[in-house]
N, C-alpha and C. Protein backbone atom coordinates (compact mmCIF):
# COMPACT_ATOMS: atom_id res chain seq x y z
N MET A 1 -8.70 5.98 -6.31
CA MET A 1 -8.94 4.59 -6.10
C MET A 1 -9.25 4.32 -4.64
N ALA A 2 -10.33 3.66 -4.43
CA ALA A 2 -10.81 3.42 -3.03
C ALA A 2 -9.81 2.61 -2.22
N TYR A 3 -9.21 1.56 -2.89
CA TYR A 3 -8.22 0.75 -2.14
C TYR A 3 -7.10 1.61 -1.63
N TYR A 4 -6.69 2.61 -2.34
CA TYR A 4 -5.57 3.47 -1.86
C TYR A 4 -5.96 4.19 -0.65
N ASN A 5 -7.20 4.76 -0.58
CA ASN A 5 -7.66 5.45 0.58
C ASN A 5 -7.72 4.48 1.79
N VAL A 6 -8.26 3.31 1.60
CA VAL A 6 -8.36 2.35 2.71
C VAL A 6 -6.96 1.97 3.20
N ALA A 7 -6.03 1.70 2.24
CA ALA A 7 -4.67 1.35 2.62
C ALA A 7 -4.02 2.45 3.47
N ASN A 8 -4.23 3.68 3.08
CA ASN A 8 -3.63 4.80 3.79
C ASN A 8 -4.22 4.95 5.19
N ILE A 9 -5.50 4.71 5.33
CA ILE A 9 -6.14 4.73 6.64
C ILE A 9 -5.51 3.70 7.57
N TYR A 10 -5.42 2.44 7.04
CA TYR A 10 -4.78 1.38 7.86
C TYR A 10 -3.34 1.73 8.19
N TYR A 11 -2.65 2.28 7.21
CA TYR A 11 -1.22 2.65 7.47
C TYR A 11 -1.12 3.71 8.56
N GLU A 12 -1.96 4.72 8.50
CA GLU A 12 -1.96 5.80 9.49
C GLU A 12 -2.33 5.26 10.89
N GLN A 13 -3.16 4.26 10.93
CA GLN A 13 -3.57 3.67 12.23
C GLN A 13 -2.53 2.68 12.76
N GLY A 14 -1.50 2.43 11.95
CA GLY A 14 -0.46 1.50 12.39
C GLY A 14 -0.80 0.04 12.14
N ASN A 15 -1.86 -0.21 11.42
CA ASN A 15 -2.26 -1.58 11.05
C ASN A 15 -1.55 -1.91 9.75
N TYR A 16 -0.29 -2.17 9.87
CA TYR A 16 0.57 -2.37 8.66
C TYR A 16 0.25 -3.64 7.89
N SER A 17 -0.25 -4.69 8.56
CA SER A 17 -0.59 -5.88 7.87
C SER A 17 -1.77 -5.66 6.92
N ALA A 18 -2.79 -4.96 7.40
CA ALA A 18 -3.96 -4.69 6.53
C ALA A 18 -3.60 -3.73 5.45
N ALA A 19 -2.77 -2.72 5.80
CA ALA A 19 -2.31 -1.75 4.79
C ALA A 19 -1.54 -2.47 3.68
N LYS A 20 -0.68 -3.37 4.06
CA LYS A 20 0.14 -4.09 3.10
C LYS A 20 -0.74 -4.87 2.14
N ASN A 21 -1.80 -5.54 2.67
CA ASN A 21 -2.74 -6.28 1.79
C ASN A 21 -3.34 -5.37 0.78
N TYR A 22 -3.81 -4.20 1.19
CA TYR A 22 -4.43 -3.28 0.20
C TYR A 22 -3.44 -2.70 -0.76
N PHE A 23 -2.26 -2.32 -0.29
CA PHE A 23 -1.26 -1.79 -1.22
C PHE A 23 -0.87 -2.88 -2.26
N ASN A 24 -0.80 -4.10 -1.84
CA ASN A 24 -0.52 -5.19 -2.83
C ASN A 24 -1.63 -5.28 -3.87
N LYS A 25 -2.87 -5.13 -3.48
CA LYS A 25 -4.02 -5.13 -4.42
C LYS A 25 -3.88 -4.00 -5.42
N ILE A 26 -3.43 -2.82 -4.95
CA ILE A 26 -3.28 -1.70 -5.83
C ILE A 26 -2.21 -1.97 -6.86
N VAL A 27 -1.09 -2.56 -6.46
CA VAL A 27 -0.03 -2.87 -7.38
C VAL A 27 -0.53 -3.83 -8.47
N ILE A 28 -1.37 -4.76 -8.11
CA ILE A 28 -1.92 -5.71 -9.07
C ILE A 28 -2.83 -4.99 -10.04
N LEU A 29 -3.68 -4.08 -9.51
CA LEU A 29 -4.70 -3.41 -10.35
C LEU A 29 -4.12 -2.27 -11.18
N ASP A 30 -3.06 -1.65 -10.71
CA ASP A 30 -2.50 -0.46 -11.34
C ASP A 30 -0.97 -0.51 -11.34
N PRO A 31 -0.38 -1.54 -11.92
CA PRO A 31 1.06 -1.77 -11.76
C PRO A 31 1.96 -0.62 -12.23
N ASN A 32 1.54 0.07 -13.27
CA ASN A 32 2.41 1.14 -13.83
C ASN A 32 1.80 2.52 -13.69
N GLY A 33 0.68 2.64 -13.02
CA GLY A 33 0.01 3.92 -12.86
C GLY A 33 0.50 4.63 -11.59
N PRO A 34 -0.06 5.78 -11.37
CA PRO A 34 0.42 6.56 -10.23
C PRO A 34 0.08 5.90 -8.87
N TYR A 35 -1.07 5.27 -8.75
CA TYR A 35 -1.38 4.58 -7.50
C TYR A 35 -0.48 3.37 -7.28
N GLY A 36 -0.27 2.64 -8.36
CA GLY A 36 0.65 1.45 -8.24
C GLY A 36 2.04 1.88 -7.88
N ASN A 37 2.55 2.93 -8.48
CA ASN A 37 3.90 3.41 -8.18
C ASN A 37 4.01 3.83 -6.73
N GLU A 38 3.04 4.55 -6.25
CA GLU A 38 3.04 5.03 -4.86
C GLU A 38 2.89 3.85 -3.89
N ALA A 39 2.06 2.90 -4.23
CA ALA A 39 1.88 1.69 -3.41
C ALA A 39 3.22 0.93 -3.33
N THR A 40 3.92 0.80 -4.43
CA THR A 40 5.18 0.12 -4.45
C THR A 40 6.18 0.79 -3.46
N LYS A 41 6.22 2.11 -3.50
CA LYS A 41 7.09 2.87 -2.58
C LYS A 41 6.73 2.58 -1.12
N VAL A 42 5.43 2.59 -0.83
CA VAL A 42 5.03 2.33 0.55
C VAL A 42 5.37 0.86 0.93
N LEU A 43 5.13 -0.08 0.05
CA LEU A 43 5.48 -1.46 0.31
C LEU A 43 6.95 -1.65 0.57
N ASN A 44 7.77 -0.96 -0.17
CA ASN A 44 9.23 -0.98 0.05
C ASN A 44 9.60 -0.44 1.44
N ASN A 45 8.90 0.69 1.82
CA ASN A 45 9.11 1.26 3.16
C ASN A 45 8.69 0.26 4.26
N LEU A 46 7.59 -0.39 4.08
CA LEU A 46 7.13 -1.38 5.05
C LEU A 46 8.11 -2.54 5.15
N LYS A 47 8.62 -2.94 4.03
CA LYS A 47 9.58 -4.02 4.04
C LYS A 47 10.86 -3.63 4.81
N ASN A 48 11.31 -2.42 4.58
CA ASN A 48 12.44 -1.89 5.30
C ASN A 48 12.18 -1.78 6.82
N MET A 49 10.90 -1.59 7.19
CA MET A 49 10.51 -1.50 8.60
C MET A 49 10.36 -2.91 9.18
N GLY A 50 10.42 -3.92 8.38
CA GLY A 50 10.32 -5.29 8.87
C GLY A 50 8.96 -5.89 8.77
N TYR A 51 8.09 -5.30 7.95
CA TYR A 51 6.72 -5.80 7.75
C TYR A 51 6.55 -6.50 6.41
C-alpha cells in the first residue's frame, strides 16, 4: 500500500504529524488487515510519545 510507504518515510524523517495523517488513512482503508494493524501499532506509539 502506497500510503504505508509514505507514512513510514515521514515517520523516519521525524515528521510525525504527516506520518500520523497517513497512518490514520491506512486504518480507515484497511482496518483489520496487516497494514491497518501495523498502522494502529505505530499510532499508539506516537500517542505514547505525545503526538
